[in-house]
PDB file of all heavy atoms in Angstrom:
ATOM      1  N   GLY A   1     -18.464 -17.938   8.377  1.00  0.00           N
ATOM      2  CA  GLY A   1     -17.037 -18.241   8.298  1.00  0.00           C
ATOM      3  C   GLY A   1     -16.243 -17.329   7.381  1.00  0.00           C
ATOM      4  O   GLY A   1     -15.030 -17.444   7.292  1.00  0.00           O
ATOM      5  N   GLN A   2     -16.896 -16.426   6.698  1.00  0.00           N
ATOM      6  CA  GLN A   2     -16.229 -15.529   5.758  1.00  0.00           C
ATOM      7  C   GLN A   2     -15.826 -14.240   6.473  1.00  0.00           C
ATOM      8  O   GLN A   2     -16.577 -13.720   7.294  1.00  0.00           O
ATOM      9  CB  GLN A   2     -17.181 -15.209   4.603  1.00  0.00           C
ATOM     10  CG  GLN A   2     -16.571 -14.407   3.489  1.00  0.00           C
ATOM     11  CD  GLN A   2     -17.574 -14.115   2.379  1.00  0.00           C
ATOM     12  OE1 GLN A   2     -18.742 -13.829   2.625  1.00  0.00           O
ATOM     13  NE2 GLN A   2     -17.103 -14.195   1.143  1.00  0.00           N
ATOM     14  N   ILE A   3     -14.653 -13.720   6.128  1.00  0.00           N
ATOM     15  CA  ILE A   3     -14.184 -12.443   6.675  1.00  0.00           C
ATOM     16  C   ILE A   3     -14.051 -11.461   5.519  1.00  0.00           C
ATOM     17  O   ILE A   3     -13.232 -11.660   4.626  1.00  0.00           O
ATOM     18  CB  ILE A   3     -12.831 -12.597   7.391  1.00  0.00           C
ATOM     19  CG1 ILE A   3     -12.940 -13.590   8.527  1.00  0.00           C
ATOM     20  CG2 ILE A   3     -12.336 -11.242   7.889  1.00  0.00           C
ATOM     21  CD1 ILE A   3     -11.605 -13.962   9.150  1.00  0.00           C
ATOM     22  N   LEU A   4     -14.871 -10.415   5.538  1.00  0.00           N
ATOM     23  CA  LEU A   4     -14.813  -9.376   4.518  1.00  0.00           C
ATOM     24  C   LEU A   4     -14.147  -8.147   5.108  1.00  0.00           C
ATOM     25  O   LEU A   4     -14.396  -7.783   6.253  1.00  0.00           O
ATOM     26  CB  LEU A   4     -16.220  -9.021   4.025  1.00  0.00           C
ATOM     27  CG  LEU A   4     -16.991 -10.123   3.324  1.00  0.00           C
ATOM     28  CD1 LEU A   4     -18.370  -9.619   2.907  1.00  0.00           C
ATOM     29  CD2 LEU A   4     -16.232 -10.654   2.125  1.00  0.00           C
ATOM     30  N   ILE A   5     -13.297  -7.506   4.294  1.00  0.00           N
ATOM     31  CA  ILE A   5     -12.588  -6.308   4.748  1.00  0.00           C
ATOM     32  C   ILE A   5     -12.633  -5.235   3.669  1.00  0.00           C
ATOM     33  O   ILE A   5     -12.817  -5.521   2.484  1.00  0.00           O
ATOM     34  CB  ILE A   5     -11.119  -6.622   5.129  1.00  0.00           C
ATOM     35  CG1 ILE A   5     -10.345  -7.198   3.937  1.00  0.00           C
ATOM     36  CG2 ILE A   5     -11.059  -7.561   6.328  1.00  0.00           C
ATOM     37  CD1 ILE A   5      -8.860  -7.417   4.201  1.00  0.00           C
ATOM     38  N   SER A   6     -12.445  -4.014   4.097  1.00  0.00           N
ATOM     39  CA  SER A   6     -12.428  -2.872   3.176  1.00  0.00           C
ATOM     40  C   SER A   6     -11.071  -2.768   2.495  1.00  0.00           C
ATOM     41  O   SER A   6     -10.100  -3.439   2.873  1.00  0.00           O
ATOM     42  CB  SER A   6     -12.704  -1.582   3.950  1.00  0.00           C
ATOM     43  OG  SER A   6     -11.625  -1.321   4.833  1.00  0.00           O
ATOM     44  N   GLN A   7     -10.999  -1.899   1.515  1.00  0.00           N
ATOM     45  CA  GLN A   7      -9.741  -1.673   0.810  1.00  0.00           C
ATOM     46  C   GLN A   7      -8.684  -1.107   1.757  1.00  0.00           C
ATOM     47  O   GLN A   7      -7.516  -1.470   1.680  1.00  0.00           O
ATOM     48  CB  GLN A   7      -9.954  -0.732  -0.372  1.00  0.00           C
ATOM     49  CG  GLN A   7      -8.730  -0.569  -1.242  1.00  0.00           C
ATOM     50  CD  GLN A   7      -9.042   0.147  -2.541  1.00  0.00           C
ATOM     51  OE1 GLN A   7     -10.128   0.687  -2.739  1.00  0.00           O
ATOM     52  NE2 GLN A   7      -8.094   0.153  -3.447  1.00  0.00           N
ATOM     53  N   GLU A   8      -9.098  -0.235   2.671  1.00  0.00           N
ATOM     54  CA  GLU A   8      -8.166   0.346   3.632  1.00  0.00           C
ATOM     55  C   GLU A   8      -7.550  -0.737   4.520  1.00  0.00           C
ATOM     56  O   GLU A   8      -6.349  -0.762   4.763  1.00  0.00           O
ATOM     57  CB  GLU A   8      -8.861   1.392   4.516  1.00  0.00           C
ATOM     58  CG  GLU A   8      -9.367   2.586   3.760  1.00  0.00           C
ATOM     59  CD  GLU A   8     -10.838   2.450   3.352  1.00  0.00           C
ATOM     60  OE1 GLU A   8     -11.377   1.313   3.301  1.00  0.00           O
ATOM     61  OE2 GLU A   8     -11.447   3.487   3.067  1.00  0.00           O
ATOM     62  N   THR A   9      -8.392  -1.635   5.004  1.00  0.00           N
ATOM     63  CA  THR A   9      -7.911  -2.730   5.852  1.00  0.00           C
ATOM     64  C   THR A   9      -7.055  -3.693   5.042  1.00  0.00           C
ATOM     65  O   THR A   9      -6.036  -4.189   5.539  1.00  0.00           O
ATOM     66  CB  THR A   9      -9.092  -3.466   6.501  1.00  0.00           C
ATOM     67  OG1 THR A   9      -9.855  -2.533   7.258  1.00  0.00           O
ATOM     68  CG2 THR A   9      -8.619  -4.585   7.401  1.00  0.00           C
ATOM     69  N   CYS A  10      -7.424  -3.938   3.797  1.00  0.00           N
ATOM     70  CA  CYS A  10      -6.642  -4.812   2.923  1.00  0.00           C
ATOM     71  C   CYS A  10      -5.203  -4.315   2.826  1.00  0.00           C
ATOM     72  O   CYS A  10      -4.260  -5.096   2.914  1.00  0.00           O
ATOM     73  CB  CYS A  10      -7.294  -4.869   1.551  1.00  0.00           C
ATOM     74  SG  CYS A  10      -6.435  -5.915   0.367  1.00  0.00           S
ATOM     75  N   TYR A  11      -5.042  -3.016   2.673  1.00  0.00           N
ATOM     76  CA  TYR A  11      -3.709  -2.421   2.588  1.00  0.00           C
ATOM     77  C   TYR A  11      -2.915  -2.682   3.874  1.00  0.00           C
ATOM     78  O   TYR A  11      -1.729  -2.989   3.831  1.00  0.00           O
ATOM     79  CB  TYR A  11      -3.834  -0.921   2.318  1.00  0.00           C
ATOM     80  CG  TYR A  11      -2.514  -0.202   2.340  1.00  0.00           C
ATOM     81  CD1 TYR A  11      -1.617  -0.314   1.282  1.00  0.00           C
ATOM     82  CD2 TYR A  11      -2.152   0.586   3.423  1.00  0.00           C
ATOM     83  CE1 TYR A  11      -0.393   0.328   1.299  1.00  0.00           C
ATOM     84  CE2 TYR A  11      -0.933   1.247   3.456  1.00  0.00           C
ATOM     85  CZ  TYR A  11      -0.060   1.105   2.400  1.00  0.00           C
ATOM     86  OH  TYR A  11       1.158   1.742   2.427  1.00  0.00           O
ATOM     87  N   LEU A  12      -3.585  -2.579   5.019  1.00  0.00           N
ATOM     88  CA  LEU A  12      -2.898  -2.752   6.306  1.00  0.00           C
ATOM     89  C   LEU A  12      -2.503  -4.197   6.597  1.00  0.00           C
ATOM     90  O   LEU A  12      -1.534  -4.436   7.312  1.00  0.00           O
ATOM     91  CB  LEU A  12      -3.777  -2.228   7.448  1.00  0.00           C
ATOM     92  CG  LEU A  12      -3.985  -0.721   7.482  1.00  0.00           C
ATOM     93  CD1 LEU A  12      -5.012  -0.361   8.541  1.00  0.00           C
ATOM     94  CD2 LEU A  12      -2.667  -0.004   7.736  1.00  0.00           C
ATOM     95  N   VAL A  13      -3.244  -5.156   6.058  1.00  0.00           N
ATOM     96  CA  VAL A  13      -2.962  -6.563   6.382  1.00  0.00           C
ATOM     97  C   VAL A  13      -2.236  -7.299   5.262  1.00  0.00           C
ATOM     98  O   VAL A  13      -2.028  -8.516   5.355  1.00  0.00           O
ATOM     99  CB  VAL A  13      -4.253  -7.333   6.763  1.00  0.00           C
ATOM    100  CG1 VAL A  13      -4.956  -6.682   7.935  1.00  0.00           C
ATOM    101  CG2 VAL A  13      -5.188  -7.483   5.572  1.00  0.00           C
ATOM    102  N   GLN A  14      -1.807  -6.610   4.223  1.00  0.00           N
ATOM    103  CA  GLN A  14      -1.219  -7.277   3.059  1.00  0.00           C
ATOM    104  C   GLN A  14      -0.002  -8.133   3.386  1.00  0.00           C
ATOM    105  O   GLN A  14       0.283  -9.098   2.672  1.00  0.00           O
ATOM    106  CB  GLN A  14      -0.899  -6.267   1.967  1.00  0.00           C
ATOM    107  CG  GLN A  14       0.165  -5.260   2.330  1.00  0.00           C
ATOM    108  CD  GLN A  14       0.348  -4.214   1.250  1.00  0.00           C
ATOM    109  OE1 GLN A  14      -0.159  -4.348   0.134  1.00  0.00           O
ATOM    110  NE2 GLN A  14       1.072  -3.158   1.580  1.00  0.00           N
ATOM    111  N   ASP A  15       0.731  -7.809   4.447  1.00  0.00           N
ATOM    112  CA  ASP A  15       1.892  -8.617   4.833  1.00  0.00           C
ATOM    113  C   ASP A  15       1.516  -9.793   5.727  1.00  0.00           C
ATOM    114  O   ASP A  15       2.368 -10.611   6.049  1.00  0.00           O
ATOM    115  CB  ASP A  15       2.923  -7.750   5.566  1.00  0.00           C
ATOM    116  CG  ASP A  15       3.539  -6.694   4.658  1.00  0.00           C
ATOM    117  OD1 ASP A  15       3.554  -6.897   3.428  1.00  0.00           O
ATOM    118  OD2 ASP A  15       4.003  -5.670   5.188  1.00  0.00           O
ATOM    119  N   TYR A  16       0.261  -9.866   6.135  1.00  0.00           N
ATOM    120  CA  TYR A  16      -0.163 -10.867   7.108  1.00  0.00           C
ATOM    121  C   TYR A  16      -1.244 -11.809   6.592  1.00  0.00           C
ATOM    122  O   TYR A  16      -1.540 -12.816   7.226  1.00  0.00           O
ATOM    123  CB  TYR A  16      -0.692 -10.180   8.373  1.00  0.00           C
ATOM    124  CG  TYR A  16       0.284  -9.194   8.936  1.00  0.00           C
ATOM    125  CD1 TYR A  16       0.164  -7.830   8.682  1.00  0.00           C
ATOM    126  CD2 TYR A  16       1.365  -9.616   9.705  1.00  0.00           C
ATOM    127  CE1 TYR A  16       1.075  -6.920   9.184  1.00  0.00           C
ATOM    128  CE2 TYR A  16       2.281  -8.716  10.208  1.00  0.00           C
ATOM    129  CZ  TYR A  16       2.132  -7.371   9.948  1.00  0.00           C
ATOM    130  OH  TYR A  16       3.035  -6.474  10.444  1.00  0.00           O
ATOM    131  N   ALA A  17      -1.857 -11.473   5.457  1.00  0.00           N
ATOM    132  CA  ALA A  17      -2.975 -12.273   4.975  1.00  0.00           C
ATOM    133  C   ALA A  17      -3.053 -12.275   3.458  1.00  0.00           C
ATOM    134  O   ALA A  17      -2.671 -11.312   2.805  1.00  0.00           O
ATOM    135  CB  ALA A  17      -4.279 -11.734   5.547  1.00  0.00           C
ATOM    136  N   GLU A  18      -3.549 -13.392   2.935  1.00  0.00           N
ATOM    137  CA  GLU A  18      -3.874 -13.474   1.514  1.00  0.00           C
ATOM    138  C   GLU A  18      -5.341 -13.100   1.366  1.00  0.00           C
ATOM    139  O   GLU A  18      -6.193 -13.608   2.101  1.00  0.00           O
ATOM    140  CB  GLU A  18      -3.645 -14.894   1.008  1.00  0.00           C
ATOM    141  CG  GLU A  18      -4.000 -15.107  -0.438  1.00  0.00           C
ATOM    142  CD  GLU A  18      -3.824 -16.552  -0.878  1.00  0.00           C
ATOM    143  OE1 GLU A  18      -3.000 -17.265  -0.275  1.00  0.00           O
ATOM    144  OE2 GLU A  18      -4.533 -16.961  -1.816  1.00  0.00           O
ATOM    145  N   VAL A  19      -5.622 -12.200   0.450  1.00  0.00           N
ATOM    146  CA  VAL A  19      -7.004 -11.760   0.236  1.00  0.00           C
ATOM    147  C   VAL A  19      -7.359 -11.907  -1.229  1.00  0.00           C
ATOM    148  O   VAL A  19      -6.479 -11.979  -2.095  1.00  0.00           O
ATOM    149  CB  VAL A  19      -7.214 -10.294   0.693  1.00  0.00           C
ATOM    150  CG1 VAL A  19      -6.887 -10.131   2.164  1.00  0.00           C
ATOM    151  CG2 VAL A  19      -6.408  -9.339  -0.150  1.00  0.00           C
ATOM    152  N   GLN A  20      -8.659 -11.955  -1.496  1.00  0.00           N
ATOM    153  CA  GLN A  20      -9.117 -11.938  -2.883  1.00  0.00           C
ATOM    154  C   GLN A  20     -10.303 -10.986  -2.982  1.00  0.00           C
ATOM    155  O   GLN A  20     -11.098 -10.862  -2.046  1.00  0.00           O
ATOM    156  CB  GLN A  20      -9.487 -13.325  -3.383  1.00  0.00           C
ATOM    157  CG  GLN A  20     -10.711 -13.938  -2.780  1.00  0.00           C
ATOM    158  CD  GLN A  20     -10.974 -15.336  -3.319  1.00  0.00           C
ATOM    159  OE1 GLN A  20     -10.037 -16.080  -3.609  1.00  0.00           O
ATOM    160  NE2 GLN A  20     -12.228 -15.699  -3.458  1.00  0.00           N
ATOM    161  N   SER A  21     -10.379 -10.329  -4.100  1.00  0.00           N
ATOM    162  CA  SER A  21     -11.448  -9.359  -4.317  1.00  0.00           C
ATOM    163  C   SER A  21     -12.780 -10.079  -4.466  1.00  0.00           C
ATOM    164  O   SER A  21     -12.871 -11.121  -5.121  1.00  0.00           O
ATOM    165  CB  SER A  21     -11.161  -8.550  -5.571  1.00  0.00           C
ATOM    166  OG  SER A  21     -12.260  -7.714  -5.868  1.00  0.00           O
ATOM    167  N   VAL A  22     -13.814  -9.514  -3.861  1.00  0.00           N
ATOM    168  CA  VAL A  22     -15.173 -10.006  -4.090  1.00  0.00           C
ATOM    169  C   VAL A  22     -15.953  -8.986  -4.923  1.00  0.00           C
ATOM    170  O   VAL A  22     -17.150  -9.117  -5.111  1.00  0.00           O
ATOM    171  CB  VAL A  22     -15.914 -10.330  -2.770  1.00  0.00           C
ATOM    172  CG1 VAL A  22     -15.240 -11.456  -2.038  1.00  0.00           C
ATOM    173  CG2 VAL A  22     -16.051  -9.123  -1.882  1.00  0.00           C
ATOM    174  N   GLY A  23     -15.241  -7.963  -5.396  1.00  0.00           N
ATOM    175  CA  GLY A  23     -15.850  -6.942  -6.234  1.00  0.00           C
ATOM    176  C   GLY A  23     -16.250  -5.718  -5.434  1.00  0.00           C
ATOM    177  O   GLY A  23     -15.948  -5.592  -4.259  1.00  0.00           O
ATOM    178  N   ASP A  24     -16.939  -4.832  -6.104  1.00  0.00           N
ATOM    179  CA  ASP A  24     -17.425  -3.617  -5.454  1.00  0.00           C
ATOM    180  C   ASP A  24     -18.807  -3.892  -4.873  1.00  0.00           C
ATOM    181  O   ASP A  24     -19.664  -4.464  -5.556  1.00  0.00           O
ATOM    182  CB  ASP A  24     -17.520  -2.470  -6.447  1.00  0.00           C
ATOM    183  CG  ASP A  24     -16.160  -1.941  -6.876  1.00  0.00           C
ATOM    184  OD1 ASP A  24     -15.143  -2.443  -6.359  1.00  0.00           O
ATOM    185  OD2 ASP A  24     -16.118  -1.032  -7.710  1.00  0.00           O
ATOM    186  N   LEU A  25     -19.003  -3.501  -3.631  1.00  0.00           N
ATOM    187  CA  LEU A  25     -20.298  -3.668  -2.978  1.00  0.00           C
ATOM    188  C   LEU A  25     -20.820  -2.313  -2.525  1.00  0.00           C
ATOM    189  O   LEU A  25     -20.058  -1.449  -2.097  1.00  0.00           O
ATOM    190  CB  LEU A  25     -20.180  -4.582  -1.759  1.00  0.00           C
ATOM    191  CG  LEU A  25     -19.785  -6.033  -1.981  1.00  0.00           C
ATOM    192  CD1 LEU A  25     -19.723  -6.775  -0.651  1.00  0.00           C
ATOM    193  CD2 LEU A  25     -20.769  -6.721  -2.914  1.00  0.00           C
ATOM    194  N   LEU A  26     -22.127  -2.150  -2.631  1.00  0.00           N
ATOM    195  CA  LEU A  26     -22.783  -0.970  -2.095  1.00  0.00           C
ATOM    196  C   LEU A  26     -23.295  -1.331  -0.712  1.00  0.00           C
ATOM    197  O   LEU A  26     -24.155  -2.195  -0.565  1.00  0.00           O
ATOM    198  CB  LEU A  26     -23.945  -0.521  -2.980  1.00  0.00           C
ATOM    199  CG  LEU A  26     -24.711   0.711  -2.508  1.00  0.00           C
ATOM    200  CD1 LEU A  26     -23.779   1.920  -2.429  1.00  0.00           C
ATOM    201  CD2 LEU A  26     -25.875   1.001  -3.425  1.00  0.00           C
ATOM    202  N   LEU A  27     -22.721  -0.710   0.297  1.00  0.00           N
ATOM    203  CA  LEU A  27     -23.094  -0.992   1.670  1.00  0.00           C
ATOM    204  C   LEU A  27     -24.194  -0.045   2.114  1.00  0.00           C
ATOM    205  O   LEU A  27     -24.224   1.119   1.709  1.00  0.00           O
ATOM    206  CB  LEU A  27     -21.878  -0.857   2.591  1.00  0.00           C
ATOM    207  CG  LEU A  27     -20.678  -1.745   2.247  1.00  0.00           C
ATOM    208  CD1 LEU A  27     -19.504  -1.417   3.149  1.00  0.00           C
ATOM    209  CD2 LEU A  27     -21.046  -3.210   2.341  1.00  0.00           C
ATOM    210  N   LYS A  28     -25.084  -0.535   2.934  1.00  0.00           N
ATOM    211  CA  LYS A  28     -26.180   0.275   3.451  1.00  0.00           C
ATOM    212  C   LYS A  28     -25.635   1.555   4.089  1.00  0.00           C
ATOM    213  O   LYS A  28     -24.660   1.515   4.838  1.00  0.00           O
ATOM    214  CB  LYS A  28     -26.962  -0.534   4.480  1.00  0.00           C
ATOM    215  CG  LYS A  28     -28.160   0.170   5.046  1.00  0.00           C
ATOM    216  CD  LYS A  28     -28.886  -0.729   6.022  1.00  0.00           C
ATOM    217  CE  LYS A  28     -30.030   0.011   6.682  1.00  0.00           C
ATOM    218  NZ  LYS A  28     -30.722  -0.840   7.660  1.00  0.00           N
ATOM    219  N   GLY A  29     -26.246   2.672   3.754  1.00  0.00           N
ATOM    220  CA  GLY A  29     -25.823   3.947   4.308  1.00  0.00           C
ATOM    221  C   GLY A  29     -24.712   4.634   3.532  1.00  0.00           C
ATOM    222  O   GLY A  29     -24.341   5.757   3.844  1.00  0.00           O
ATOM    223  N   GLN A  30     -24.166   3.981   2.510  1.00  0.00           N
ATOM    224  CA  GLN A  30     -23.109   4.567   1.694  1.00  0.00           C
ATOM    225  C   GLN A  30     -23.701   5.054   0.376  1.00  0.00           C
ATOM    226  O   GLN A  30     -24.660   4.482  -0.135  1.00  0.00           O
ATOM    227  CB  GLN A  30     -22.013   3.536   1.401  1.00  0.00           C
ATOM    228  CG  GLN A  30     -21.364   2.941   2.633  1.00  0.00           C
ATOM    229  CD  GLN A  30     -20.517   3.955   3.386  1.00  0.00           C
ATOM    230  OE1 GLN A  30     -19.856   4.785   2.801  1.00  0.00           O
ATOM    231  NE2 GLN A  30     -20.559   3.872   4.699  1.00  0.00           N
ATOM    232  N   SER A  31     -23.115   6.112  -0.195  1.00  0.00           N
ATOM    233  CA  SER A  31     -23.644   6.676  -1.436  1.00  0.00           C
ATOM    234  C   SER A  31     -23.086   6.007  -2.691  1.00  0.00           C
ATOM    235  O   SER A  31     -23.674   6.115  -3.753  1.00  0.00           O
ATOM    236  CB  SER A  31     -23.378   8.183  -1.487  1.00  0.00           C
ATOM    237  OG  SER A  31     -21.985   8.426  -1.412  1.00  0.00           O
ATOM    238  N   GLN A  32     -21.948   5.319  -2.555  1.00  0.00           N
ATOM    239  CA  GLN A  32     -21.379   4.639  -3.714  1.00  0.00           C
ATOM    240  C   GLN A  32     -20.717   3.332  -3.286  1.00  0.00           C
ATOM    241  O   GLN A  32     -20.314   3.166  -2.151  1.00  0.00           O
ATOM    242  CB  GLN A  32     -20.396   5.532  -4.450  1.00  0.00           C
ATOM    243  CG  GLN A  32     -19.276   6.098  -3.616  1.00  0.00           C
ATOM    244  CD  GLN A  32     -18.481   7.129  -4.410  1.00  0.00           C
ATOM    245  OE1 GLN A  32     -18.657   7.311  -5.602  1.00  0.00           O
ATOM    246  NE2 GLN A  32     -17.574   7.802  -3.733  1.00  0.00           N
ATOM    247  N   SER A  33     -20.615   2.420  -4.244  1.00  0.00           N
ATOM    248  CA  SER A  33     -20.006   1.125  -3.946  1.00  0.00           C
ATOM    249  C   SER A  33     -18.502   1.279  -3.767  1.00  0.00           C
ATOM    250  O   SER A  33     -17.911   2.273  -4.195  1.00  0.00           O
ATOM    251  CB  SER A  33     -20.314   0.123  -5.062  1.00  0.00           C
ATOM    252  OG  SER A  33     -19.793   0.568  -6.287  1.00  0.00           O
ATOM    253  N   GLU A  34     -17.905   0.298  -3.104  1.00  0.00           N
ATOM    254  CA  GLU A  34     -16.462   0.334  -2.872  1.00  0.00           C
ATOM    255  C   GLU A  34     -15.901  -1.075  -2.911  1.00  0.00           C
ATOM    256  O   GLU A  34     -16.620  -2.054  -2.702  1.00  0.00           O
ATOM    257  CB  GLU A  34     -16.145   1.006  -1.550  1.00  0.00           C
ATOM    258  CG  GLU A  34     -16.743   0.340  -0.342  1.00  0.00           C
ATOM    259  CD  GLU A  34     -16.439   1.135   0.915  1.00  0.00           C
ATOM    260  OE1 GLU A  34     -17.213   2.038   1.230  1.00  0.00           O
ATOM    261  OE2 GLU A  34     -15.426   0.834   1.546  1.00  0.00           O
ATOM    262  N   PRO A  35     -14.592  -1.202  -3.186  1.00  0.00           N
ATOM    263  CA  PRO A  35     -13.972  -2.524  -3.267  1.00  0.00           C
ATOM    264  C   PRO A  35     -14.012  -3.230  -1.913  1.00  0.00           C
ATOM    265  O   PRO A  35     -13.767  -2.627  -0.875  1.00  0.00           O
ATOM    266  CB  PRO A  35     -12.521  -2.228  -3.660  1.00  0.00           C
ATOM    267  CG  PRO A  35     -12.504  -0.820  -4.137  1.00  0.00           C
ATOM    268  CD  PRO A  35     -13.642  -0.130  -3.480  1.00  0.00           C
ATOM    269  N   VAL A  36     -14.331  -4.525  -1.966  1.00  0.00           N
ATOM    270  CA  VAL A  36     -14.375  -5.352  -0.763  1.00  0.00           C
ATOM    271  C   VAL A  36     -13.555  -6.605  -1.034  1.00  0.00           C
ATOM    272  O   VAL A  36     -13.536  -7.123  -2.157  1.00  0.00           O
ATOM    273  CB  VAL A  36     -15.830  -5.710  -0.397  1.00  0.00           C
ATOM    274  CG1 VAL A  36     -15.886  -6.688   0.770  1.00  0.00           C
ATOM    275  CG2 VAL A  36     -16.615  -4.454  -0.075  1.00  0.00           C
ATOM    276  N   TYR A  37     -12.865  -7.086  -0.008  1.00  0.00           N
ATOM    277  CA  TYR A  37     -11.986  -8.243  -0.131  1.00  0.00           C
ATOM    278  C   TYR A  37     -12.341  -9.285   0.912  1.00  0.00           C
ATOM    279  O   TYR A  37     -12.836  -8.963   1.992  1.00  0.00           O
ATOM    280  CB  TYR A  37     -10.524  -7.810   0.057  1.00  0.00           C
ATOM    281  CG  TYR A  37     -10.099  -6.796  -0.971  1.00  0.00           C
ATOM    282  CD1 TYR A  37     -10.326  -5.437  -0.766  1.00  0.00           C
ATOM    283  CD2 TYR A  37      -9.502  -7.183  -2.144  1.00  0.00           C
ATOM    284  CE1 TYR A  37      -9.967  -4.494  -1.713  1.00  0.00           C
ATOM    285  CE2 TYR A  37      -9.135  -6.255  -3.103  1.00  0.00           C
ATOM    286  CZ  TYR A  37      -9.369  -4.913  -2.880  1.00  0.00           C
ATOM    287  OH  TYR A  37      -9.021  -3.982  -3.827  1.00  0.00           O
ATOM    288  N   GLU A  38     -12.056 -10.544   0.576  1.00  0.00           N
ATOM    289  CA  GLU A  38     -12.230 -11.649   1.512  1.00  0.00           C
ATOM    290  C   GLU A  38     -10.866 -12.136   1.962  1.00  0.00           C
ATOM    291  O   GLU A  38      -9.968 -12.332   1.131  1.00  0.00           O
ATOM    292  CB  GLU A  38     -12.975 -12.797   0.836  1.00  0.00           C
ATOM    293  CG  GLU A  38     -13.128 -14.002   1.738  1.00  0.00           C
ATOM    294  CD  GLU A  38     -13.820 -15.168   1.056  1.00  0.00           C
ATOM    295  OE1 GLU A  38     -14.060 -15.120  -0.167  1.00  0.00           O
ATOM    296  OE2 GLU A  38     -14.115 -16.139   1.763  1.00  0.00           O
TER     297      GLU A  38
END
């Protein structure tokens, strides 16, 4: 039931959705962690 989005997507939906940070996550296949939002 949880929807996680990237920082880029967060910027695009800011007028349509309330989001909260879940912190920086290191995703498989990525070299560094990045901000993720719910």
